[in-house]
């Protein structure tokens, strides 16, 4: 019985924030396990929950994000030195296959489910190829992921996916390049069957946008939450969506009754020029019409926490963006904040433009990928110095995470949502982000007394 070891390497510096209360199990490895022939003995090593220890295997599969790929290359080399073939895949490897090929025996590009059985067949025949290209999976026939291979007791949350692909083409996002511009939805019956098998009470729906991109997809979402209620499924849900979710009052109420407690929405920016550069037309329209506050309030009123994500540091931003963003966050009563620096991830339009212009600061790849964790500047914005940008981020985050603002925000979440569960979730996620902020080496470097005067009104 051949032994297959699947590895999810850790990000060297968890500066966005991760604690056990908010840890998410990987889905890609359980999906690979689901299409692996049954005669394989499968083991998973998730380095985010358990330190790496060498384990013997006959073949090793490693997935990686950009921020974790250098670590993935290191682990791959450990096994290659022992003569054990390594196969690498994931979004970074798919965008940079030539680079990855130097550090492993085989590269899988794109969605791997369609090609993985062929990889293992070639391995058993002793003819492993250097490169494999997977096609976009047919979600009608996609098997259920094998969660039994994970250390399930560790994860408070489970992960589930109901769709893949995105017709949008945001300049800083590589989802379109990896999963395609067509939004593909799984059959509702299969999704409900999987949901009933998930042991955890708390479930993260990892779709990029649970409501999809049209009337048919919105109807599917209505049917999904209706089916949960009809079958009496008792779960607590986290999902990603767009601000358009707030326009459908019936769906908000339905989703809340079905257990939805938090929505992650990419607000991205309060700067119109930045939204244009990001190609976020939907956001720009709602910003121009001043509808954000109304829609956020509507979502919160039904007991759902609003988790707003912002990406600052574009060429269109100057240092005033930090205070204007902070004022928007406060006045909109955003319950949970994720604020990141614009990062040119491989496969994105931002990467292509900055790389071709020679504006990437550290070219010492692959080690430089450690800096691509959304909390470091890897290029200089056009209208700010790097020093100013780091100071501005510190000013905004220190104000948001202050003790007084934390108390006010927690009470606001409780009074608006009237839900202890929603308030608890918001508090724990914010605590994770705050812990990462306070423990970062940048905190001591930029914790300066004059920042409020420099960036404030």
Protein backbone atom coordinates (compact mmCIF):
# COMPACT_ATOMS: atom_id res chain seq x y z
CA UNK A 1 0.00 0.00 0.00
CA UNK A 2 1.77 3.21 -1.17
CA UNK A 3 1.93 6.00 1.37
CA UNK A 4 0.86 9.48 0.26
CA UNK A 5 1.76 12.45 2.45
CA UNK A 6 -0.14 15.69 1.77
CA UNK A 7 1.40 18.85 3.25
CA UNK A 8 -0.01 22.32 3.90
CA UNK A 9 3.04 24.45 4.80
CA UNK A 10 2.82 27.34 7.23
CA UNK A 11 3.16 31.01 6.50
CA UNK A 12 6.35 32.10 8.23
CA UNK A 13 4.83 35.21 9.81
CA UNK A 14 1.10 35.09 10.57
CA UNK A 15 0.71 38.85 10.52
CA UNK A 16 -2.92 38.94 9.40
CA UNK A 17 -3.91 36.88 12.39
CA UNK A 18 -4.57 33.23 13.22
CA UNK A 19 -5.53 31.60 16.49
CA UNK A 20 -7.30 28.34 17.15
CA UNK A 21 -10.68 30.04 17.46
CA UNK A 22 -10.41 31.24 13.87
CA UNK A 23 -8.38 28.42 12.29
CA UNK A 24 -9.74 27.07 9.01
CA UNK A 25 -9.04 23.55 7.72
CA UNK A 26 -7.68 23.35 4.16
CA UNK A 27 -10.16 22.07 1.56
CA UNK A 28 -7.82 21.37 -1.34
CA UNK A 29 -6.10 18.42 0.34
CA UNK A 30 -9.40 16.66 1.28
CA UNK A 31 -10.50 17.10 -2.34
CA UNK A 32 -7.26 15.49 -3.55
CA UNK A 33 -7.80 12.65 -1.12
CA UNK A 34 -11.29 12.15 -2.54
CA UNK A 35 -9.90 11.42 -6.02
CA UNK A 36 -6.94 9.37 -4.76
CA UNK A 37 -7.24 5.61 -5.44
CA UNK A 38 -8.39 3.69 -2.38
CA UNK A 39 -5.26 1.55 -2.16
CA UNK A 40 -3.27 4.59 -0.96
CA UNK A 41 -2.59 5.23 2.70
CA UNK A 42 -3.06 9.00 3.12
CA UNK A 43 -1.64 11.24 5.83
CA UNK A 44 -1.97 15.03 6.12
CA UNK A 45 0.50 17.41 7.73
CA UNK A 46 -0.97 20.88 8.29
CA UNK A 47 2.00 22.86 9.52
CA UNK A 48 -0.31 25.65 10.65
CA UNK A 49 -1.51 23.46 13.53
CA UNK A 50 1.43 21.15 14.11
CA UNK A 51 5.17 21.72 13.59
CA UNK A 52 6.81 19.85 10.73
CA UNK A 53 8.36 16.52 11.54
CA UNK A 54 9.77 14.25 8.88
CA UNK A 55 7.37 11.41 8.12
CA UNK A 56 8.18 8.65 5.72
CA UNK A 57 6.16 8.51 2.51
CA UNK A 58 6.38 7.02 -0.96
CA UNK A 59 5.18 10.24 -2.63
CA UNK A 60 4.55 13.73 -1.24
CA UNK A 61 2.02 16.31 -2.41
CA UNK A 62 2.51 19.93 -1.29
CA UNK A 63 0.17 22.89 -1.74
CA UNK A 64 1.22 26.51 -1.32
CA UNK A 65 0.08 30.09 -1.33
CA UNK A 66 2.58 32.77 -2.34
CA UNK A 67 3.36 33.60 1.30
CA UNK A 68 4.02 29.96 2.15
CA UNK A 69 5.73 28.78 -1.04
CA UNK A 70 9.30 29.33 0.17
CA UNK A 71 8.56 27.08 3.12
CA UNK A 72 6.98 24.61 0.71
CA UNK A 73 10.16 24.58 -1.37
CA UNK A 74 12.22 23.89 1.74
CA UNK A 75 10.05 20.93 2.73
CA UNK A 76 10.09 19.59 -0.81
CA UNK A 77 13.89 19.59 -0.82
CA UNK A 78 13.96 17.55 2.40
CA UNK A 79 12.05 14.75 0.72
CA UNK A 80 13.84 14.97 -2.61
CA UNK A 81 17.17 14.45 -0.83
CA UNK A 82 15.73 11.19 0.46
CA UNK A 83 14.81 10.17 -3.10
CA UNK A 84 11.06 10.59 -2.44
CA UNK A 85 9.20 12.24 -5.35
CA UNK A 86 7.42 15.48 -4.56
CA UNK A 87 4.49 17.03 -6.42
CA UNK A 88 3.59 20.67 -5.91
CA UNK A 89 0.39 22.54 -6.73
CA UNK A 90 -1.79 25.39 -5.55
CA UNK A 91 -2.34 28.92 -6.71
CA UNK A 92 1.27 30.18 -6.52
CA UNK A 93 2.72 27.15 -8.26
CA UNK A 94 0.05 27.46 -10.95
CA UNK A 95 1.04 31.08 -11.57
CA UNK A 96 4.82 30.41 -11.40
CA UNK A 97 5.30 26.84 -12.67
CA UNK A 98 8.77 27.42 -14.11
CA UNK A 99 10.04 28.58 -10.73
CA UNK A 100 8.37 25.73 -8.84
CA UNK A 101 9.79 23.13 -11.21
CA UNK A 102 13.26 23.80 -9.77
CA UNK A 103 12.14 22.63 -6.34
CA UNK A 104 10.01 19.57 -6.97
CA UNK A 105 9.70 16.56 -9.26
CA UNK A 106 6.31 17.45 -10.73
CA UNK A 107 4.16 20.57 -10.95
CA UNK A 108 0.36 20.56 -11.13
CA UNK A 109 -1.12 23.68 -12.72
CA UNK A 110 -4.72 24.72 -12.02
CA UNK A 111 -7.50 22.76 -10.34
CA UNK A 112 -5.99 19.39 -9.59
CA UNK A 113 -8.97 17.02 -9.19
CA UNK A 114 -9.14 16.15 -12.90
CA UNK A 115 -5.44 15.33 -13.26
CA UNK A 116 -4.46 13.92 -9.85
CA UNK A 117 -5.34 10.27 -10.64
CA UNK A 118 -3.09 10.55 -13.73
CA UNK A 119 -0.24 11.90 -11.57
CA UNK A 120 -0.47 8.91 -9.24
CA UNK A 121 -0.81 6.48 -12.16
CA UNK A 122 2.42 7.84 -13.67
CA UNK A 123 4.13 7.69 -10.27
CA UNK A 124 3.27 4.01 -9.88
CA UNK A 125 4.51 3.31 -13.40
CA UNK A 126 7.78 5.11 -12.66
CA UNK A 127 7.14 7.78 -15.31
CA UNK A 128 6.25 10.90 -13.33
CA UNK A 129 6.15 13.88 -15.70
CA UNK A 130 7.54 17.32 -14.88
CA UNK A 131 4.27 19.15 -15.55
CA UNK A 132 0.56 18.38 -15.38
CA UNK A 133 -2.28 20.76 -16.22
CA UNK A 134 -5.67 20.24 -14.66
CA UNK A 135 -8.88 21.43 -16.26
CA UNK A 136 -11.56 23.34 -14.40
CA UNK A 137 -13.43 20.72 -12.45
CA UNK A 138 -16.96 19.68 -13.38
CA UNK A 139 -18.72 20.58 -10.14
CA UNK A 140 -21.71 18.42 -11.11
CA UNK A 141 -19.59 15.31 -10.53
CA UNK A 142 -17.14 16.61 -7.93
CA UNK A 143 -16.84 14.07 -5.09
CA UNK A 144 -17.26 15.11 -1.49
CA UNK A 145 -13.97 16.06 0.17
CA UNK A 146 -12.52 13.50 2.58
CA UNK A 147 -12.48 15.36 5.88
CA UNK A 148 -11.54 12.17 7.69
CA UNK A 149 -7.91 12.78 6.75
CA UNK A 150 -7.79 16.02 8.76
CA UNK A 151 -7.21 16.50 12.47
CA UNK A 152 -10.82 17.55 12.87
CA UNK A 153 -10.86 18.02 16.68
CA UNK A 154 -8.39 20.91 16.31
CA UNK A 155 -10.53 23.03 14.02
CA UNK A 156 -13.41 24.93 15.57
CA UNK A 157 -14.53 25.86 12.06
CA UNK A 158 -15.04 23.59 9.10
CA UNK A 159 -14.75 24.73 5.47
CA UNK A 160 -17.14 24.08 2.60
CA UNK A 161 -17.25 25.29 -0.99
CA UNK A 162 -20.42 25.63 -3.08
CA UNK A 163 -18.92 27.32 -6.15
CA UNK A 164 -15.75 28.17 -8.04
CA UNK A 165 -14.75 30.84 -10.51
CA UNK A 166 -15.48 34.55 -10.75
CA UNK A 167 -16.56 36.63 -13.76
CA UNK A 168 -14.99 39.74 -12.22
CA UNK A 169 -11.39 40.61 -12.96
CA UNK A 170 -10.17 42.67 -10.01
CA UNK A 171 -6.64 43.89 -10.57
CA UNK A 172 -5.23 42.55 -7.28
CA UNK A 173 -6.94 39.14 -7.33
CA UNK A 174 -5.73 35.90 -8.96
CA UNK A 175 -8.96 33.90 -8.50
CA UNK A 176 -9.98 34.52 -12.11
CA UNK A 177 -6.60 33.32 -13.39
CA UNK A 178 -6.81 30.14 -11.30
CA UNK A 179 -10.51 29.22 -11.32
CA UNK A 180 -11.66 30.94 -14.51
CA UNK A 181 -14.06 33.80 -15.28
CA UNK A 182 -17.14 31.57 -15.32
CA UNK A 183 -18.99 31.16 -12.04
CA UNK A 184 -19.58 27.43 -11.48
CA UNK A 185 -22.07 26.26 -8.88
CA UNK A 186 -22.29 22.82 -7.28
CA UNK A 187 -25.64 20.96 -7.25
CA UNK A 188 -27.69 21.94 -4.22
CA UNK A 189 -28.38 18.32 -3.21
CA UNK A 190 -24.64 17.55 -3.09
CA UNK A 191 -23.94 20.65 -1.02
CA UNK A 192 -26.64 19.79 1.54
CA UNK A 193 -25.43 16.17 1.69
CA UNK A 194 -21.92 17.39 2.46
CA UNK A 195 -23.14 19.89 5.02
CA UNK A 196 -24.97 17.16 6.93
CA UNK A 197 -21.72 15.17 7.16
CA UNK A 198 -19.63 18.01 8.62
CA UNK A 199 -18.99 17.37 12.34
CA UNK A 200 -18.31 20.96 13.38
CA UNK A 201 -21.13 23.30 14.28
CA UNK A 202 -19.32 26.31 12.79
CA UNK A 203 -18.91 26.28 8.99
CA UNK A 204 -17.02 28.70 6.75
CA UNK A 205 -18.43 28.92 3.22
CA UNK A 206 -15.26 29.62 1.25
CA UNK A 207 -16.93 30.80 -1.97
CA UNK A 208 -15.61 34.11 -3.21
CA UNK A 209 -19.23 35.29 -3.40
CA UNK A 210 -22.03 33.14 -1.98
CA UNK A 211 -24.74 35.06 -3.90
CA UNK A 212 -23.00 34.66 -7.24
CA UNK A 213 -23.39 37.09 -10.11
CA UNK A 214 -26.93 37.00 -11.41
CA UNK A 215 -30.57 36.14 -10.81
CA UNK A 216 -30.06 32.38 -11.18
CA UNK A 217 -27.24 32.35 -8.63
CA UNK A 218 -29.26 34.48 -6.22
CA UNK A 219 -32.13 32.00 -6.50
CA UNK A 220 -29.70 29.17 -5.70
CA UNK A 221 -28.60 31.02 -2.55
CA UNK A 222 -32.23 31.48 -1.47
CA UNK A 223 -32.82 27.76 -2.03
CA UNK A 224 -29.67 26.84 -0.11
CA UNK A 225 -30.64 28.65 3.08
CA UNK A 226 -34.28 27.55 2.70
CA UNK A 227 -33.19 23.90 2.50
CA UNK A 228 -31.08 24.31 5.65
CA UNK A 229 -34.14 25.54 7.53
CA UNK A 230 -36.43 22.87 6.07
CA UNK A 231 -34.05 20.06 7.08
CA UNK A 232 -33.43 21.49 10.54
CA UNK A 233 -29.66 21.74 10.07
CA UNK A 234 -28.18 23.60 13.02
CA UNK A 235 -24.96 25.32 12.02
CA UNK A 236 -23.29 28.69 12.43
CA UNK A 237 -22.09 30.12 9.10
CA UNK A 238 -19.40 32.52 7.92
CA UNK A 239 -19.44 33.47 4.25
CA UNK A 240 -17.92 35.84 1.72
CA UNK A 241 -20.14 38.00 -0.44
CA UNK A 242 -20.44 41.41 -2.10
CA UNK A 243 -22.25 44.47 -0.78
CA UNK A 244 -25.14 43.52 -3.08
CA UNK A 245 -26.10 40.97 -0.42
CA UNK A 246 -27.44 43.89 1.60
CA UNK A 247 -29.97 44.80 -1.10
CA UNK A 248 -32.02 41.62 -0.70
CA UNK A 249 -33.91 41.99 2.58
CA UNK A 250 -35.62 38.61 2.21
CA UNK A 251 -32.31 36.81 1.70
CA UNK A 252 -30.69 38.55 4.67
CA UNK A 253 -33.51 37.44 6.98
CA UNK A 254 -33.56 33.93 5.51
CA UNK A 255 -29.79 33.51 5.85
CA UNK A 256 -29.85 34.83 9.41
CA UNK A 257 -32.58 32.37 10.39
CA UNK A 258 -30.54 29.55 8.81
CA UNK A 259 -27.51 30.40 10.97
CA UNK A 260 -25.47 32.96 9.03
CA UNK A 261 -23.63 35.06 11.61
CA UNK A 262 -20.92 36.91 9.69
CA UNK A 263 -20.36 38.13 6.13
CA UNK A 264 -16.94 39.04 4.76
CA UNK A 265 -17.24 41.86 2.21
CA UNK A 266 -14.40 43.34 0.21
CA UNK A 267 -15.06 47.07 0.57
CA UNK A 268 -11.44 47.60 -0.57
CA UNK A 269 -11.31 51.42 -0.51
CA UNK A 270 -13.15 54.68 0.08
CA UNK A 271 -11.05 56.33 -2.65
CA UNK A 272 -12.95 56.41 -5.95
CA UNK A 273 -9.76 56.51 -8.01
CA UNK A 274 -8.43 53.45 -6.19
CA UNK A 275 -11.65 51.51 -6.82
CA UNK A 276 -11.37 52.36 -10.51
CA UNK A 277 -7.79 51.09 -10.55
CA UNK A 278 -8.89 47.92 -8.74
CA UNK A 279 -11.72 47.47 -11.29
CA UNK A 280 -14.27 47.29 -8.50
CA UNK A 281 -17.20 48.78 -10.40
CA UNK A 282 -19.87 47.48 -8.02
CA UNK A 283 -18.13 49.05 -5.04
CA UNK A 284 -17.60 52.32 -6.90
CA UNK A 285 -21.29 52.56 -7.76
CA UNK A 286 -22.39 51.99 -4.16
CA UNK A 287 -19.77 54.44 -2.86
CA UNK A 288 -20.94 57.16 -5.26
CA UNK A 289 -24.58 56.64 -4.25
CA UNK A 290 -23.71 56.64 -0.55
CA UNK A 291 -25.43 53.31 0.10
CA UNK A 292 -22.81 51.47 2.13
CA UNK A 293 -23.98 52.62 5.55
CA UNK A 294 -27.61 51.79 4.76
CA UNK A 295 -26.79 48.28 3.54
CA UNK A 296 -24.37 47.55 6.39
CA UNK A 297 -27.01 48.62 8.92
CA UNK A 298 -29.58 46.39 7.22
CA UNK A 299 -27.28 43.36 7.50
CA UNK A 300 -26.40 44.01 11.14
CA UNK A 301 -30.04 44.55 12.11
CA UNK A 302 -30.80 40.91 11.23
CA UNK A 303 -28.08 39.60 13.56
CA UNK A 304 -25.24 39.28 11.03
CA UNK A 305 -21.79 40.74 11.69
CA UNK A 306 -20.23 42.85 8.92
CA UNK A 307 -16.57 41.95 8.30
CA UNK A 308 -15.13 44.67 6.08
CA UNK A 309 -11.89 44.19 4.16
CA UNK A 310 -9.79 47.07 2.87
CA UNK A 311 -6.73 47.06 0.59
CA UNK A 312 -4.73 50.28 0.92
CA UNK A 313 -1.51 51.51 -0.63
CA UNK A 314 -2.35 51.81 -4.30
CA UNK A 315 -0.74 54.42 -6.54
CA UNK A 316 -4.00 56.38 -6.27
CA UNK A 317 -3.77 56.63 -2.46
CA UNK A 318 -1.99 59.41 -0.62
CA UNK A 319 -1.52 59.58 3.14
CA UNK A 320 -5.00 61.07 3.67
CA UNK A 321 -6.49 57.66 2.85
CA UNK A 322 -5.73 56.33 6.32
CA UNK A 323 -7.83 58.87 8.19
CA UNK A 324 -10.66 58.85 5.65
CA UNK A 325 -10.77 55.05 5.85
CA UNK A 326 -10.80 55.14 9.65
CA UNK A 327 -13.68 57.64 9.67
CA UNK A 328 -15.64 55.49 7.23
CA UNK A 329 -15.08 52.37 9.33
CA UNK A 330 -16.28 54.13 12.48
CA UNK A 331 -19.29 55.85 10.93
CA UNK A 332 -20.38 52.67 9.12
CA UNK A 333 -20.09 50.61 12.31
CA UNK A 334 -18.02 47.90 10.64
CA UNK A 335 -17.84 45.12 13.23
CA UNK A 336 -14.65 43.38 12.09
CA UNK A 337 -11.81 44.95 10.15
CA UNK A 338 -9.29 43.33 7.85
CA UNK A 339 -6.87 45.87 6.46
CA UNK A 340 -4.05 44.79 4.18
CA UNK A 341 -1.42 46.37 2.01
CA UNK A 342 -1.82 46.13 -1.75
CA UNK A 343 0.30 43.11 -2.66
CA UNK A 344 1.20 42.21 -6.27
CA UNK A 345 0.52 38.48 -6.10
CA UNK A 346 1.68 36.49 -9.16
CA UNK A 347 -1.09 36.04 -11.71
CA UNK A 348 -2.68 39.42 -10.99
CA UNK A 349 -2.73 42.52 -13.15
CA UNK A 350 -1.02 44.44 -10.35
CA UNK A 351 1.87 41.97 -10.41
CA UNK A 352 2.22 42.21 -14.18
CA UNK A 353 2.24 46.01 -14.19
CA UNK A 354 4.67 46.45 -11.30
CA UNK A 355 6.97 43.64 -12.40
CA UNK A 356 7.20 44.94 -15.96
CA UNK A 357 7.87 48.45 -14.64
CA UNK A 358 10.71 47.15 -12.42
CA UNK A 359 9.01 48.42 -9.26
CA UNK A 360 9.22 45.24 -7.19
CA UNK A 361 11.63 46.08 -4.37
CA UNK A 362 13.04 42.70 -3.34
CA UNK A 363 13.89 40.46 -6.29
CA UNK A 364 15.55 37.77 -4.19
CA UNK A 365 13.06 35.07 -5.15
CA UNK A 366 11.96 32.59 -3.98
CA UNK A 367 12.91 33.71 -0.45
CA UNK A 368 11.34 37.12 -1.11
CA UNK A 369 7.90 35.47 -1.31
CA UNK A 370 7.94 35.42 2.49
CA UNK A 371 7.18 39.15 2.28
CA UNK A 372 4.00 38.56 0.23
CA UNK A 373 1.75 38.04 3.22
CA UNK A 374 -0.40 41.17 2.71
CA UNK A 375 1.20 43.01 5.62
CA UNK A 376 4.43 44.16 3.96
CA UNK A 377 5.05 46.70 1.22
CA UNK A 378 6.91 45.10 -1.65
CA UNK A 379 6.74 48.18 -3.89
CA UNK A 380 6.69 51.94 -3.29
CA UNK A 381 3.27 53.60 -3.77
CA UNK A 382 3.36 56.56 -6.14
CA UNK A 383 2.08 59.20 -3.70
CA UNK A 384 3.65 58.06 -0.43
CA UNK A 385 7.02 57.08 0.86
CA UNK A 386 7.27 53.58 2.28
CA UNK A 387 7.85 55.15 5.70
CA UNK A 388 4.64 57.19 5.43
CA UNK A 389 2.64 54.17 4.34
CA UNK A 390 3.80 52.04 7.27
CA UNK A 391 3.09 54.91 9.65
CA UNK A 392 -0.38 55.37 8.18
CA UNK A 393 -1.25 51.70 8.59
CA UNK A 394 -0.03 51.82 12.18
CA UNK A 395 -2.10 54.96 12.90
CA UNK A 396 -5.28 53.36 11.54
CA UNK A 397 -4.88 50.00 13.24
CA UNK A 398 -3.80 51.43 16.59
CA UNK A 399 -6.89 53.66 16.63
CA UNK A 400 -9.21 50.82 15.64
CA UNK A 401 -7.80 48.37 18.18
CA UNK A 402 -7.58 50.81 21.09
CA UNK A 403 -9.24 49.67 24.32
CA UNK A 404 -11.96 52.34 24.15
CA UNK A 405 -12.80 51.62 20.51
CA UNK A 406 -12.87 47.88 21.22
CA UNK A 407 -15.38 48.36 24.05
CA UNK A 408 -17.55 50.70 21.96
CA UNK A 409 -17.41 48.40 18.94
CA UNK A 410 -18.26 45.27 20.92
CA UNK A 411 -21.27 46.95 22.53
CA UNK A 412 -22.32 48.33 19.14
CA UNK A 413 -22.17 44.84 17.64
CA UNK A 414 -24.23 43.42 20.49
CA UNK A 415 -26.88 46.16 20.37
CA UNK A 416 -27.15 46.07 16.56
CA UNK A 417 -27.19 42.30 16.05
CA UNK A 418 -28.84 41.37 19.37
CA UNK A 419 -26.82 38.16 19.11
CA UNK A 420 -24.28 36.94 21.65
CA UNK A 421 -22.95 34.42 19.13
CA UNK A 422 -22.39 37.07 16.45
CA UNK A 423 -20.75 39.37 18.99
CA UNK A 424 -18.49 36.57 20.23
CA UNK A 425 -17.37 35.73 16.69
CA UNK A 426 -16.64 39.39 15.91
CA UNK A 427 -14.68 39.81 19.13
CA UNK A 428 -12.57 36.68 18.58
CA UNK A 429 -11.65 37.56 15.00
CA UNK A 430 -10.79 41.14 15.93
CA UNK A 431 -8.71 39.78 18.82
CA UNK A 432 -6.81 37.59 16.37
CA UNK A 433 -6.03 40.57 14.15
CA UNK A 434 -5.14 42.74 17.14
CA UNK A 435 -2.78 40.08 18.51
CA UNK A 436 -1.01 39.84 15.16
CA UNK A 437 -0.72 43.64 14.98
CA UNK A 438 0.66 44.03 18.50
CA UNK A 439 3.13 41.15 18.14
CA UNK A 440 4.48 42.26 14.76
CA UNK A 441 8.03 43.57 14.58
CA UNK A 442 6.57 46.61 12.82
CA UNK A 443 4.57 47.56 15.91
CA UNK A 444 7.61 48.68 17.91
CA UNK A 445 9.19 50.23 14.85
CA UNK A 446 6.24 52.51 14.02
CA UNK A 447 4.59 53.00 17.42
CA UNK A 448 5.40 56.71 17.44
CA UNK A 449 3.72 59.46 19.50
CA UNK A 450 3.14 61.93 16.64
CA UNK A 451 1.13 59.72 14.30
CA UNK A 452 -2.28 61.04 15.36
CA UNK A 453 -1.12 64.59 14.68
CA UNK A 454 0.41 63.58 11.35
CA UNK A 455 -2.50 61.54 9.99
CA UNK A 456 -5.48 62.81 11.98
CA UNK A 457 -7.86 65.66 11.07
